[in-house]
Amino acid sequence: MLTQQVTSGQVALVTGAAKRIGRHIALRMAQRGWDIAVHFHHSADEAAQVVAEIRQLGRRAIAVRADLGNVEQVKKIIPQVVNQLGRLDCVVNNASLFEADSAADFSQACLDKHMHANLMAPIMLAQDLHAFLPADVPAGIASVINILDQKLFNLNPDYLSYTLSKAALHTATTSLAQALAPKLRVVGVAPGLSMLSGEQSETDFQAAHKVTPLGRSSTPEDIAEAVCYVASAKAITGTTIVVDGGQHLIPTQRDVMFLAKANSDS
C-alpha cells in the first residue's frame, strides 16, 4: 500500500496541465512552493516544457500521461505520482472535454464521452487521493479542486453534454466534500470566459470578455490565483468560488461566445 513520505514541499497533480489554463495553474502553484505532477494526454512536448519551466523555478515536476476517459489509465495516475514524488496533497481537476452539441443533435456517445472525462475521472481521482492519505492527516491540508464553469450559474442550452457533465461535477463537489471529510476538502472554482476557444476570433473573444459587470471576465492568471488560494484555505470545502468578473450575473439565452459573434455580425 502507498504511504506518505517526508518530502520538502507539498505536491499537486494538475490534470490537463500541458496547455491553456492548466499550464497557468501548474506554474503558479510551483511559484508558490508546490511540486507538480503535470498530467497530459496527447500534448507530450508541451507537458515536457511545463515540467522544465517548473524545475527552473526550483521545484520538482514530472509528466504523467493518461486518457481520462479510460478507467484503467485513471487508476494508475495517483500511484505513479506518489511513487515518483513521494506524496500527494492536492488534485486540481482542470482537464475537460468541451465539444458542441444541443438538444437537436444530442447523442448517447457524446454524453458518455463528456461524463467519463469530466465527471468519472475527477471522482475517481478524489477517491484515490482519499484512500492514499493516512488516517491521521490533519483536517484541511489535503484538497481536491474541481474546475467548473460560470455557465452553471447562468444556464443556456448550448454545449448540452458538456453542461450536464459540469453540473454533475458541481453536485459531486458538494457530495464528495461531505463524504471525504475530514481527510479531504473538495472545492469548486468556476471560471468565466478566460481564453479563446474553438473557432472564436480574437475580436469576438474581446467583445465577449467585456460582457460582465466589471467590464472583464476572468484571465488564466485569475483562475490560477483562485486555485492557489483554495489549495491553502483550510476551512473551505463543499462550495464553489465563481471567478468570472460577474459574468454569471448577466442573464443570457445563448452561450456568450455566440452572442458576441451575433453582435459583431449585426
Protein backbone atom coordinates (compact mmCIF):
# COMPACT_ATOMS: atom_id res chain seq x y z
CA MET A 1 0.00 0.00 0.00
CA LEU A 2 1.24 3.50 -0.83
CA THR A 3 2.35 5.59 2.12
CA GLN A 4 3.05 9.27 2.54
CA GLN A 5 6.77 10.01 2.57
CA VAL A 6 8.53 13.02 4.03
CA THR A 7 9.44 15.45 1.23
CA SER A 8 10.17 19.13 1.02
CA GLY A 9 7.04 20.92 -0.10
CA GLN A 10 3.54 19.79 -0.88
CA VAL A 11 2.69 18.03 -4.13
CA ALA A 12 -0.15 18.84 -6.51
CA LEU A 13 -1.47 16.94 -9.52
CA VAL A 14 -2.91 19.24 -12.18
CA THR A 15 -4.82 17.49 -14.95
CA GLY A 16 -4.59 18.97 -18.41
CA ALA A 17 -1.56 20.97 -17.30
CA ALA A 18 0.32 20.99 -20.60
CA LYS A 19 -1.69 23.83 -22.12
CA ARG A 20 -4.01 26.73 -21.55
CA ILE A 21 -5.41 27.32 -18.05
CA GLY A 22 -3.92 24.10 -16.66
CA ARG A 23 -0.44 25.31 -17.60
CA HIS A 24 -1.03 28.61 -15.79
CA ILE A 25 -2.29 26.77 -12.70
CA ALA A 26 0.70 24.41 -12.63
CA LEU A 27 3.25 27.22 -13.00
CA ARG A 28 1.58 29.47 -10.45
CA MET A 29 1.39 26.66 -7.87
CA ALA A 30 5.06 25.92 -8.48
CA GLN A 31 5.86 29.58 -7.89
CA ARG A 32 4.04 29.25 -4.56
CA GLY A 33 6.22 26.33 -3.50
CA TRP A 34 4.34 23.29 -4.76
CA ASP A 35 5.92 20.34 -6.54
CA ILE A 36 3.79 19.48 -9.56
CA ALA A 37 2.66 16.39 -11.46
CA VAL A 38 1.80 17.64 -14.95
CA HIS A 39 -0.93 15.44 -16.42
CA PHE A 40 -1.41 15.33 -20.19
CA HIS A 41 -2.97 13.07 -22.82
CA HIS A 42 -1.71 13.97 -26.30
CA SER A 43 0.45 17.05 -25.63
CA ALA A 44 3.73 15.38 -24.66
CA ASP A 45 6.02 18.13 -25.94
CA GLU A 46 4.05 20.86 -24.20
CA ALA A 47 3.97 18.86 -20.96
CA ALA A 48 7.74 18.41 -21.08
CA GLN A 49 8.14 22.16 -21.49
CA VAL A 50 5.96 22.86 -18.44
CA VAL A 51 7.98 20.34 -16.43
CA ALA A 52 11.19 22.07 -17.49
CA GLU A 53 9.83 25.50 -16.51
CA ILE A 54 8.76 24.22 -13.10
CA ARG A 55 12.19 22.72 -12.49
CA GLN A 56 13.77 26.03 -13.41
CA LEU A 57 11.74 27.51 -10.55
CA GLY A 58 13.48 25.11 -8.17
CA ARG A 59 10.52 22.77 -7.73
CA ARG A 60 10.20 19.09 -8.56
CA ALA A 61 8.00 18.13 -11.51
CA ILE A 62 7.03 15.06 -13.52
CA ALA A 63 4.82 14.47 -16.55
CA VAL A 64 2.03 11.89 -16.26
CA ARG A 65 0.25 10.65 -19.36
CA ALA A 66 -3.31 9.28 -19.19
CA ASP A 67 -6.58 9.24 -21.10
CA LEU A 68 -9.14 10.50 -18.58
CA GLY A 69 -11.88 8.63 -20.40
CA ASN A 70 -10.16 5.32 -19.67
CA VAL A 71 -10.81 3.89 -16.19
CA GLU A 72 -7.67 1.75 -16.10
CA GLN A 73 -5.44 4.67 -17.03
CA VAL A 74 -7.10 6.97 -14.49
CA LYS A 75 -6.48 4.43 -11.70
CA LYS A 76 -2.74 4.47 -12.46
CA ILE A 77 -2.29 8.24 -12.13
CA ILE A 78 -2.06 8.72 -8.38
CA PRO A 79 0.14 5.65 -7.76
CA GLN A 80 2.56 7.00 -10.38
CA VAL A 81 2.61 10.45 -8.76
CA VAL A 82 3.18 9.06 -5.28
CA ASN A 83 5.86 6.64 -6.43
CA GLN A 84 7.83 9.41 -8.14
CA LEU A 85 7.19 12.40 -5.88
CA GLY A 86 6.65 10.64 -2.56
CA ARG A 87 3.34 12.21 -1.60
CA LEU A 88 0.24 13.96 -2.94
CA ASP A 89 -1.68 16.73 -1.21
CA CYS A 90 -3.87 18.29 -3.90
CA VAL A 91 -5.59 17.26 -7.11
CA VAL A 92 -6.72 20.02 -9.48
CA ASN A 93 -9.26 18.55 -11.88
CA ASN A 94 -8.71 21.03 -14.67
CA ALA A 95 -8.75 18.86 -17.82
CA SER A 96 -12.10 18.97 -19.56
CA LEU A 97 -13.73 17.70 -22.73
CA PHE A 98 -15.59 20.57 -24.43
CA GLU A 99 -17.46 19.57 -27.58
CA ALA A 100 -20.52 21.28 -29.00
CA ASP A 101 -23.92 19.61 -29.09
CA SER A 102 -27.51 20.67 -28.49
CA ALA A 103 -30.91 19.15 -27.80
CA ALA A 104 -31.30 18.69 -31.55
CA ASP A 105 -28.16 16.60 -32.09
CA PHE A 106 -27.66 15.16 -28.59
CA SER A 107 -26.41 11.57 -28.55
CA GLN A 108 -25.52 8.93 -26.02
CA ALA A 109 -21.99 8.74 -27.41
CA CYS A 110 -21.37 12.46 -26.88
CA LEU A 111 -22.80 12.39 -23.37
CA ASP A 112 -20.78 9.31 -22.45
CA LYS A 113 -17.53 10.94 -23.58
CA HIS A 114 -18.19 14.06 -21.51
CA MET A 115 -19.31 12.15 -18.43
CA HIS A 116 -16.27 9.88 -18.46
CA ALA A 117 -13.71 12.66 -18.85
CA ASN A 118 -15.42 15.47 -16.93
CA LEU A 119 -17.11 13.53 -14.12
CA MET A 120 -15.84 9.98 -13.72
CA ALA A 121 -12.14 10.87 -13.75
CA PRO A 122 -12.39 13.70 -11.16
CA ILE A 123 -14.44 11.50 -8.82
CA MET A 124 -12.03 8.58 -9.14
CA LEU A 125 -9.01 10.81 -8.53
CA ALA A 126 -10.69 12.19 -5.40
CA GLN A 127 -11.46 8.65 -4.29
CA ASP A 128 -7.88 7.53 -4.84
CA LEU A 129 -6.36 10.55 -3.08
CA HIS A 130 -8.62 9.96 -0.09
CA ALA A 131 -7.59 6.30 0.05
CA PHE A 132 -3.91 7.22 -0.15
CA LEU A 133 -3.97 9.79 2.66
CA PRO A 134 -3.09 8.49 6.13
CA ALA A 135 -5.95 8.27 8.62
CA ASP A 136 -4.37 10.89 10.87
CA VAL A 137 -3.76 13.54 8.21
CA PRO A 138 -4.62 16.96 9.73
CA ALA A 139 -8.00 18.24 8.60
CA GLY A 140 -7.89 20.91 5.92
CA ILE A 141 -4.47 20.12 4.49
CA ALA A 142 -5.38 17.91 1.51
CA SER A 143 -7.77 19.07 -1.18
CA VAL A 144 -9.43 18.36 -4.50
CA ILE A 145 -10.22 21.40 -6.63
CA ASN A 146 -12.72 20.91 -9.44
CA ILE A 147 -12.61 23.46 -12.27
CA LEU A 148 -16.25 24.08 -13.19
CA ASP A 149 -17.85 26.87 -15.28
CA GLN A 150 -19.78 30.07 -14.58
CA LYS A 151 -22.26 28.70 -17.12
CA LEU A 152 -23.71 26.55 -14.33
CA PHE A 153 -24.97 29.72 -12.64
CA ASN A 154 -26.28 31.26 -15.88
CA LEU A 155 -27.66 28.33 -17.84
CA ASN A 156 -28.26 28.27 -21.58
CA PRO A 157 -28.91 25.34 -23.94
CA ASP A 158 -25.59 25.40 -25.81
CA TYR A 159 -22.96 22.67 -25.26
CA LEU A 160 -25.57 20.40 -23.70
CA SER A 161 -23.46 17.33 -22.87
CA TYR A 162 -20.60 19.47 -21.55
CA THR A 163 -23.02 21.43 -19.36
CA LEU A 164 -24.62 18.27 -17.98
CA SER A 165 -21.21 16.83 -17.10
CA LYS A 166 -20.14 20.02 -15.33
CA ALA A 167 -23.46 20.24 -13.49
CA ALA A 168 -22.94 16.70 -12.25
CA LEU A 169 -19.39 17.57 -11.14
CA HIS A 170 -20.75 20.60 -9.30
CA THR A 171 -23.12 18.33 -7.37
CA ALA A 172 -20.30 15.83 -6.81
CA THR A 173 -18.20 18.61 -5.31
CA THR A 174 -20.74 19.00 -2.51
CA SER A 175 -21.35 15.29 -2.07
CA LEU A 176 -17.65 14.39 -2.01
CA ALA A 177 -16.89 17.18 0.46
CA GLN A 178 -19.40 15.57 2.80
CA ALA A 179 -18.27 12.00 2.17
CA LEU A 180 -14.50 12.51 2.25
CA ALA A 181 -14.19 14.87 5.23
CA PRO A 182 -12.23 15.36 7.41
CA LYS A 183 -9.28 13.91 5.47
CA LEU A 184 -10.03 15.76 2.26
CA ARG A 185 -11.52 19.11 1.26
CA VAL A 186 -13.37 19.33 -2.07
CA VAL A 187 -13.95 22.76 -3.63
CA GLY A 188 -15.10 24.09 -7.00
CA VAL A 189 -13.64 27.02 -8.94
CA ALA A 190 -15.87 28.27 -11.76
CA PRO A 191 -14.14 30.46 -14.37
CA GLY A 192 -15.79 32.75 -16.84
CA LEU A 193 -14.68 33.18 -20.43
CA SER A 194 -10.91 33.23 -19.99
CA MET A 195 -9.25 32.22 -23.27
CA LEU A 196 -10.02 31.89 -26.97
CA SER A 197 -11.96 28.71 -27.61
CA GLY A 198 -12.90 26.75 -30.70
CA GLU A 199 -13.44 28.90 -33.79
CA GLN A 200 -13.84 32.11 -31.81
CA SER A 201 -11.95 35.08 -33.25
CA GLU A 202 -9.85 37.45 -31.16
CA THR A 203 -12.39 40.22 -31.84
CA ASP A 204 -15.28 38.06 -30.68
CA PHE A 205 -13.34 36.96 -27.61
CA GLN A 206 -12.56 40.53 -26.58
CA ALA A 207 -16.21 41.52 -27.03
CA ALA A 208 -17.45 38.55 -25.00
CA HIS A 209 -14.82 39.07 -22.32
CA LYS A 210 -16.26 42.51 -21.60
CA VAL A 211 -19.85 41.34 -21.10
CA THR A 212 -19.61 41.42 -17.30
CA PRO A 213 -20.42 43.89 -14.52
CA LEU A 214 -16.68 44.50 -14.05
CA GLY A 215 -16.04 45.04 -17.74
CA ARG A 216 -13.75 42.00 -17.88
CA SER A 217 -14.19 38.32 -17.25
CA SER A 218 -11.54 36.06 -15.76
CA THR A 219 -7.99 35.62 -17.03
CA PRO A 220 -5.89 32.45 -16.70
CA GLU A 221 -3.92 34.27 -14.00
CA ASP A 222 -7.15 34.95 -12.08
CA ILE A 223 -8.04 31.27 -12.17
CA ALA A 224 -4.56 30.21 -11.10
CA GLU A 225 -4.63 32.65 -8.19
CA ALA A 226 -8.02 31.32 -7.08
CA VAL A 227 -6.74 27.74 -7.19
CA CYS A 228 -3.68 28.64 -5.12
CA TYR A 229 -5.91 30.33 -2.56
CA VAL A 230 -8.31 27.39 -2.31
CA ALA A 231 -5.43 24.92 -2.05
CA SER A 232 -4.22 26.71 1.10
CA ALA A 233 -7.60 27.73 2.57
CA LYS A 234 -8.01 25.07 5.24
CA ALA A 235 -11.58 26.00 6.22
CA ILE A 236 -13.14 25.97 2.73
CA THR A 237 -14.92 22.83 1.49
CA GLY A 238 -18.11 21.85 -0.29
CA THR A 239 -18.61 25.16 -2.06
CA THR A 240 -17.75 26.79 -5.38
CA ILE A 241 -15.98 30.09 -5.95
CA VAL A 242 -17.11 31.82 -9.16
CA VAL A 243 -14.22 33.73 -10.73
CA ASP A 244 -15.72 35.48 -13.75
CA GLY A 245 -15.91 39.23 -13.24
CA GLY A 246 -19.62 38.77 -12.51
CA GLN A 247 -20.34 37.23 -15.91
CA HIS A 248 -22.91 34.89 -14.37
CA LEU A 249 -24.92 37.91 -13.15
CA ILE A 250 -25.91 38.91 -16.70
CA PRO A 251 -28.62 36.51 -17.99
CA THR A 252 -28.04 35.16 -21.49
CA GLN A 253 -30.13 32.81 -23.60
CA ARG A 254 -27.13 31.64 -25.64
CA ASP A 255 -23.54 30.93 -24.79
CA VAL A 256 -21.67 34.22 -24.57
CA MET A 257 -19.40 33.20 -27.47
CA PHE A 258 -22.39 33.03 -29.80
CA LEU A 259 -23.80 36.31 -28.55
CA ALA A 260 -20.55 38.13 -29.20
CA LYS A 261 -20.38 36.75 -32.73
CA ALA A 262 -24.01 37.67 -33.39
CA ASN A 263 -23.38 41.22 -32.19
CA SER A 264 -20.26 41.58 -34.36
CA ASP A 265 -22.11 40.29 -37.44
CA SER A 266 -25.09 42.60 -36.97
